Amino acid sequence: MIKPIPHDAAGRPVARPIDPGVRIGHVHLKVADLDRALAFYCGVLGFELIQRYGTQAAFVSAGGYHHHIGLNTWESKGGSPPPPGTTGLYHVAILYPTRAALADALYRLAEAGIALQGASDHGVSEALYLSDPDGNGIELYVDRPPEQWPRTAEGELAMVTQRLDLQDLLAAREA
């Protein structure tokens, strides 16, 4: 049994923090059709196919990494997305290195006729929201430098959700 974490007087958990160098290395997604998933992740978003295991699994990445995204049909071949109101993955967030790179992703989506489900300026980042062909939530985003993040008078982070100007973002692709 996991013991409850103690809290301070302000209600914040008091625990030994994880090493700040920890990163999320990759995500592995169950898909219904491997070729369809590869057409989206490689053909539209531009990830590179690193390795494929027949019709059952593939690994894709950016920049030659061993894999950022694993795709498999081991338990899901021909399956359907989980229904709303169930637990599971909300979305995978893919961090772009520059605003121009995110603008290029938006351009690729538009060229492929893939509709956005949302586009938000969170103060700390700019984000595009969509689903892959299997209904997995995808966030494509770019972070602002930490010194530009909105903060309260007390110095705490004050993220927001405001409309993202897509035309302004697309202009960054041309810059």
C-alpha atoms as a PDB file:
ATOM      1  CA  MET A   1       0.000   0.000   0.000  1.00  0.00           C
ATOM      2  CA  ILE A   2       1.277   3.446  -0.916  1.00  0.00           C
ATOM      3  CA  LYS A   3       1.420   5.813   2.026  1.00  0.00           C
ATOM      4  CA  PRO A   4      -0.185   9.253   1.574  1.00  0.00           C
ATOM      5  CA  ILE A   5       2.236  12.104   0.946  1.00  0.00           C
ATOM      6  CA  PRO A   6       2.301  14.686   3.755  1.00  0.00           C
ATOM      7  CA  HIS A   7       1.204  18.236   2.899  1.00  0.00           C
ATOM      8  CA  ASP A   8       2.368  21.612   4.191  1.00  0.00           C
ATOM      9  CA  ALA A   9       0.082  24.275   5.698  1.00  0.00           C
ATOM     10  CA  ALA A  10      -0.738  25.606   2.197  1.00  0.00           C
ATOM     11  CA  GLY A  11      -1.855  22.150   1.067  1.00  0.00           C
ATOM     12  CA  ARG A  12       1.146  21.494  -1.176  1.00  0.00           C
ATOM     13  CA  PRO A  13       2.649  17.995  -1.132  1.00  0.00           C
ATOM     14  CA  VAL A  14       5.922  17.715   0.774  1.00  0.00           C
ATOM     15  CA  ALA A  15       8.115  15.077  -0.815  1.00  0.00           C
ATOM     16  CA  ARG A  16      11.607  14.584  -2.182  1.00  0.00           C
ATOM     17  CA  PRO A  17      11.411  15.828  -5.789  1.00  0.00           C
ATOM     18  CA  ILE A  18      12.418  13.711  -8.747  1.00  0.00           C
ATOM     19  CA  ASP A  19      15.811  14.396 -10.334  1.00  0.00           C
ATOM     20  CA  PRO A  20      15.381  17.517 -12.530  1.00  0.00           C
ATOM     21  CA  GLY A  21      17.198  15.776 -15.389  1.00  0.00           C
ATOM     22  CA  VAL A  22      14.421  13.188 -15.810  1.00  0.00           C
ATOM     23  CA  ARG A  23      12.636  13.379 -19.182  1.00  0.00           C
ATOM     24  CA  ILE A  24       9.841  11.432 -20.835  1.00  0.00           C
ATOM     25  CA  GLY A  25      11.762   9.369 -23.367  1.00  0.00           C
ATOM     26  CA  HIS A  26       9.086   7.906 -25.622  1.00  0.00           C
ATOM     27  CA  VAL A  27       5.472   6.900 -25.882  1.00  0.00           C
ATOM     28  CA  HIS A  28       4.109   3.635 -27.254  1.00  0.00           C
ATOM     29  CA  LEU A  29       0.664   3.774 -28.862  1.00  0.00           C
ATOM     30  CA  LYS A  30      -1.766   0.995 -29.705  1.00  0.00           C
ATOM     31  CA  VAL A  31      -3.079   1.489 -33.250  1.00  0.00           C
ATOM     32  CA  ALA A  32      -5.612  -0.347 -35.407  1.00  0.00           C
ATOM     33  CA  ASP A  33      -3.705  -0.108 -38.699  1.00  0.00           C
ATOM     34  CA  LEU A  34       0.078   0.250 -38.730  1.00  0.00           C
ATOM     35  CA  ASP A  35       0.326   1.558 -42.301  1.00  0.00           C
ATOM     36  CA  ARG A  36      -2.317   4.218 -41.617  1.00  0.00           C
ATOM     37  CA  ALA A  37      -0.498   5.278 -38.436  1.00  0.00           C
ATOM     38  CA  LEU A  38       2.831   5.489 -40.299  1.00  0.00           C
ATOM     39  CA  ALA A  39       1.215   7.564 -43.050  1.00  0.00           C
ATOM     40  CA  PHE A  40       0.196  10.069 -40.353  1.00  0.00           C
ATOM     41  CA  TYR A  41       3.301  10.112 -38.128  1.00  0.00           C
ATOM     42  CA  CYS A  42       5.856   9.893 -40.977  1.00  0.00           C
ATOM     43  CA  GLY A  43       3.931  11.196 -43.986  1.00  0.00           C
ATOM     44  CA  VAL A  44       2.164  14.136 -42.339  1.00  0.00           C
ATOM     45  CA  LEU A  45       4.124  15.030 -39.199  1.00  0.00           C
ATOM     46  CA  GLY A  46       7.486  14.103 -40.731  1.00  0.00           C
ATOM     47  CA  PHE A  47       8.878  11.620 -38.194  1.00  0.00           C
ATOM     48  CA  GLU A  48      11.484   9.197 -39.563  1.00  0.00           C
ATOM     49  CA  LEU A  49      10.800   5.452 -39.617  1.00  0.00           C
ATOM     50  CA  ILE A  50      13.642   3.909 -37.590  1.00  0.00           C
ATOM     51  CA  GLN A  51      12.582   0.279 -37.476  1.00  0.00           C
ATOM     52  CA  ARG A  52       9.600  -1.786 -38.487  1.00  0.00           C
ATOM     53  CA  TYR A  53       8.592  -5.242 -37.244  1.00  0.00           C
ATOM     54  CA  GLY A  54       6.474  -6.532 -40.119  1.00  0.00           C
ATOM     55  CA  THR A  55       2.824  -5.550 -39.826  1.00  0.00           C
ATOM     56  CA  GLN A  56       2.822  -5.446 -36.017  1.00  0.00           C
ATOM     57  CA  ALA A  57       5.053  -2.626 -34.814  1.00  0.00           C
ATOM     58  CA  ALA A  58       7.188   0.318 -35.876  1.00  0.00           C
ATOM     59  CA  PHE A  59       9.399   2.891 -34.191  1.00  0.00           C
ATOM     60  CA  VAL A  60       9.642   6.500 -35.388  1.00  0.00           C
ATOM     61  CA  SER A  61      11.725   9.442 -34.248  1.00  0.00           C
ATOM     62  CA  ALA A  62      13.039  12.910 -34.943  1.00  0.00           C
ATOM     63  CA  GLY A  63      16.747  13.455 -35.442  1.00  0.00           C
ATOM     64  CA  GLY A  64      17.826   9.803 -35.490  1.00  0.00           C
ATOM     65  CA  TYR A  65      16.933   8.966 -31.872  1.00  0.00           C
ATOM     66  CA  HIS A  66      16.144   5.250 -31.407  1.00  0.00           C
ATOM     67  CA  HIS A  67      12.458   6.098 -31.051  1.00  0.00           C
ATOM     68  CA  HIS A  68      10.208   8.812 -29.742  1.00  0.00           C
ATOM     69  CA  ILE A  69       7.003   7.010 -30.695  1.00  0.00           C
ATOM     70  CA  GLY A  70       6.347   3.294 -30.821  1.00  0.00           C
ATOM     71  CA  LEU A  71       3.288   2.118 -32.764  1.00  0.00           C
ATOM     72  CA  ASN A  72       1.902  -1.391 -32.432  1.00  0.00           C
ATOM     73  CA  THR A  73      -1.107  -3.548 -33.286  1.00  0.00           C
ATOM     74  CA  TRP A  74      -0.343  -6.302 -30.727  1.00  0.00           C
ATOM     75  CA  GLU A  75      -3.629  -5.814 -28.855  1.00  0.00           C
ATOM     76  CA  SER A  76      -5.432  -3.417 -31.164  1.00  0.00           C
ATOM     77  CA  LYS A  77      -5.322  -4.560 -34.817  1.00  0.00           C
ATOM     78  CA  GLY A  78      -8.608  -3.467 -36.404  1.00  0.00           C
ATOM     79  CA  GLY A  79      -9.745  -2.023 -33.071  1.00  0.00           C
ATOM     80  CA  SER A  80     -11.581   1.170 -32.331  1.00  0.00           C
ATOM     81  CA  PRO A  81     -10.640   4.084 -30.079  1.00  0.00           C
ATOM     82  CA  PRO A  82     -11.734   3.901 -26.432  1.00  0.00           C
ATOM     83  CA  PRO A  83     -15.111   5.536 -25.869  1.00  0.00           C
ATOM     84  CA  PRO A  84     -15.340   8.968 -24.227  1.00  0.00           C
ATOM     85  CA  GLY A  85     -15.617   8.863 -20.465  1.00  0.00           C
ATOM     86  CA  THR A  86     -13.040   6.099 -19.993  1.00  0.00           C
ATOM     87  CA  THR A  87      -9.554   6.288 -18.541  1.00  0.00           C
ATOM     88  CA  GLY A  88      -6.418   6.200 -20.626  1.00  0.00           C
ATOM     89  CA  LEU A  89      -4.075   8.523 -22.423  1.00  0.00           C
ATOM     90  CA  TYR A  90      -5.433  12.063 -22.781  1.00  0.00           C
ATOM     91  CA  HIS A  91      -2.815  13.197 -25.276  1.00  0.00           C
ATOM     92  CA  VAL A  92       0.806  12.908 -26.288  1.00  0.00           C
ATOM     93  CA  ALA A  93       2.583  16.255 -26.290  1.00  0.00           C
ATOM     94  CA  ILE A  94       5.251  16.706 -28.955  1.00  0.00           C
ATOM     95  CA  LEU A  95       7.613  19.589 -28.185  1.00  0.00           C
ATOM     96  CA  TYR A  96       8.929  21.528 -31.192  1.00  0.00           C
ATOM     97  CA  PRO A  97      12.256  23.367 -30.848  1.00  0.00           C
ATOM     98  CA  THR A  98      11.122  26.652 -32.430  1.00  0.00           C
ATOM     99  CA  ARG A  99       7.978  28.561 -33.283  1.00  0.00           C
ATOM    100  CA  ALA A 100       8.893  28.256 -36.980  1.00  0.00           C
ATOM    101  CA  ALA A 101       9.012  24.458 -36.629  1.00  0.00           C
ATOM    102  CA  LEU A 102       5.554  24.462 -35.010  1.00  0.00           C
ATOM    103  CA  ALA A 103       4.320  26.709 -37.828  1.00  0.00           C
ATOM    104  CA  ASP A 104       5.629  24.153 -40.312  1.00  0.00           C
ATOM    105  CA  ALA A 105       3.684  21.428 -38.483  1.00  0.00           C
ATOM    106  CA  LEU A 106       0.522  23.530 -38.790  1.00  0.00           C
ATOM    107  CA  TYR A 107       1.209  23.943 -42.509  1.00  0.00           C
ATOM    108  CA  ARG A 108       1.695  20.155 -42.920  1.00  0.00           C
ATOM    109  CA  LEU A 109      -1.618  19.480 -41.153  1.00  0.00           C
ATOM    110  CA  ALA A 110      -3.450  21.974 -43.359  1.00  0.00           C
ATOM    111  CA  GLU A 111      -1.873  20.503 -46.510  1.00  0.00           C
ATOM    112  CA  ALA A 112      -3.014  17.014 -45.433  1.00  0.00           C
ATOM    113  CA  GLY A 113      -6.538  18.248 -44.650  1.00  0.00           C
ATOM    114  CA  ILE A 114      -6.274  17.312 -40.977  1.00  0.00           C
ATOM    115  CA  ALA A 115      -8.541  19.412 -38.797  1.00  0.00           C
ATOM    116  CA  LEU A 116      -7.429  20.874 -35.506  1.00  0.00           C
ATOM    117  CA  GLN A 117      -9.538  20.242 -32.422  1.00  0.00           C
ATOM    118  CA  GLY A 118      -8.098  23.306 -30.756  1.00  0.00           C
ATOM    119  CA  ALA A 119      -5.299  25.871 -30.744  1.00  0.00           C
ATOM    120  CA  SER A 120      -4.299  27.642 -27.545  1.00  0.00           C
ATOM    121  CA  ASP A 121      -1.851  30.162 -26.190  1.00  0.00           C
ATOM    122  CA  HIS A 122      -1.102  29.014 -22.635  1.00  0.00           C
ATOM    123  CA  GLY A 123       1.264  31.865 -21.802  1.00  0.00           C
ATOM    124  CA  VAL A 124       4.070  29.332 -21.260  1.00  0.00           C
ATOM    125  CA  SER A 125       3.534  27.715 -24.660  1.00  0.00           C
ATOM    126  CA  GLU A 126       1.608  27.761 -27.920  1.00  0.00           C
ATOM    127  CA  ALA A 127      -0.231  24.523 -28.718  1.00  0.00           C
ATOM    128  CA  LEU A 128      -2.149  22.787 -31.488  1.00  0.00           C
ATOM    129  CA  TYR A 129      -4.538  19.966 -30.580  1.00  0.00           C
ATOM    130  CA  LEU A 130      -5.708  17.147 -32.851  1.00  0.00           C
ATOM    131  CA  SER A 131      -6.226  13.394 -32.969  1.00  0.00           C
ATOM    132  CA  ASP A 132      -4.251  10.817 -34.904  1.00  0.00           C
ATOM    133  CA  PRO A 133      -6.145   8.361 -37.148  1.00  0.00           C
ATOM    134  CA  ASP A 134      -6.749   6.072 -34.142  1.00  0.00           C
ATOM    135  CA  GLY A 135      -8.247   8.789 -31.982  1.00  0.00           C
ATOM    136  CA  ASN A 136      -5.141   9.273 -29.819  1.00  0.00           C
ATOM    137  CA  GLY A 137      -4.932  12.869 -28.639  1.00  0.00           C
ATOM    138  CA  ILE A 138      -1.937  14.806 -29.939  1.00  0.00           C
ATOM    139  CA  GLU A 139      -0.602  18.165 -28.759  1.00  0.00           C
ATOM    140  CA  LEU A 140       2.012  19.850 -30.923  1.00  0.00           C
ATOM    141  CA  TYR A 141       3.587  22.734 -29.028  1.00  0.00           C
ATOM    142  CA  VAL A 142       6.484  25.119 -28.549  1.00  0.00           C
ATOM    143  CA  ASP A 143       7.549  26.491 -25.176  1.00  0.00           C
ATOM    144  CA  ARG A 144       8.264  30.146 -24.565  1.00  0.00           C
ATOM    145  CA  PRO A 145      11.461  30.943 -22.685  1.00  0.00           C
ATOM    146  CA  PRO A 146      10.859  30.631 -18.902  1.00  0.00           C
ATOM    147  CA  GLU A 147      11.583  34.328 -18.377  1.00  0.00           C
ATOM    148  CA  GLN A 148       8.489  35.093 -20.512  1.00  0.00           C
ATOM    149  CA  TRP A 149       6.128  32.807 -18.575  1.00  0.00           C
ATOM    150  CA  PRO A 150       3.230  34.637 -16.876  1.00  0.00           C
ATOM    151  CA  ARG A 151       3.499  34.789 -13.103  1.00  0.00           C
ATOM    152  CA  THR A 152       1.355  36.022 -10.240  1.00  0.00           C
ATOM    153  CA  ALA A 153       2.476  38.847  -7.960  1.00  0.00           C
ATOM    154  CA  GLU A 154       3.766  36.092  -5.632  1.00  0.00           C
ATOM    155  CA  GLY A 155       5.894  34.620  -8.432  1.00  0.00           C
ATOM    156  CA  GLU A 156       3.793  31.500  -9.001  1.00  0.00           C
ATOM    157  CA  LEU A 157       3.140  30.252 -12.511  1.00  0.00           C
ATOM    158  CA  ALA A 158      -0.090  31.666 -14.002  1.00  0.00           C
ATOM    159  CA  MET A 159      -0.827  29.593 -17.091  1.00  0.00           C
ATOM    160  CA  VAL A 160      -3.783  30.662 -19.240  1.00  0.00           C
ATOM    161  CA  THR A 161      -5.810  29.252 -22.096  1.00  0.00           C
ATOM    162  CA  GLN A 162      -6.381  31.869 -24.772  1.00  0.00           C
ATOM    163  CA  ARG A 163      -7.098  31.685 -28.495  1.00  0.00           C
ATOM    164  CA  LEU A 164      -3.963  31.086 -30.565  1.00  0.00           C
ATOM    165  CA  ASP A 165      -3.668  33.289 -33.649  1.00  0.00           C
ATOM    166  CA  LEU A 166      -3.028  30.677 -36.347  1.00  0.00           C
ATOM    167  CA  GLN A 167      -2.289  33.230 -39.076  1.00  0.00           C
ATOM    168  CA  ASP A 168       0.373  34.815 -36.869  1.00  0.00           C
ATOM    169  CA  LEU A 169       1.816  31.372 -36.188  1.00  0.00           C
ATOM    170  CA  LEU A 170       1.887  30.517 -39.914  1.00  0.00           C
ATOM    171  CA  ALA A 171       3.748  33.787 -40.546  1.00  0.00           C
ATOM    172  CA  ALA A 172       6.553  32.426 -38.344  1.00  0.00           C
ATOM    173  CA  ARG A 173       7.075  29.685 -40.939  1.00  0.00           C
ATOM    174  CA  GLU A 174       7.984  32.297 -43.524  1.00  0.00           C
ATOM    175  CA  ALA A 175      10.318  34.226 -41.215  1.00  0.00           C
END
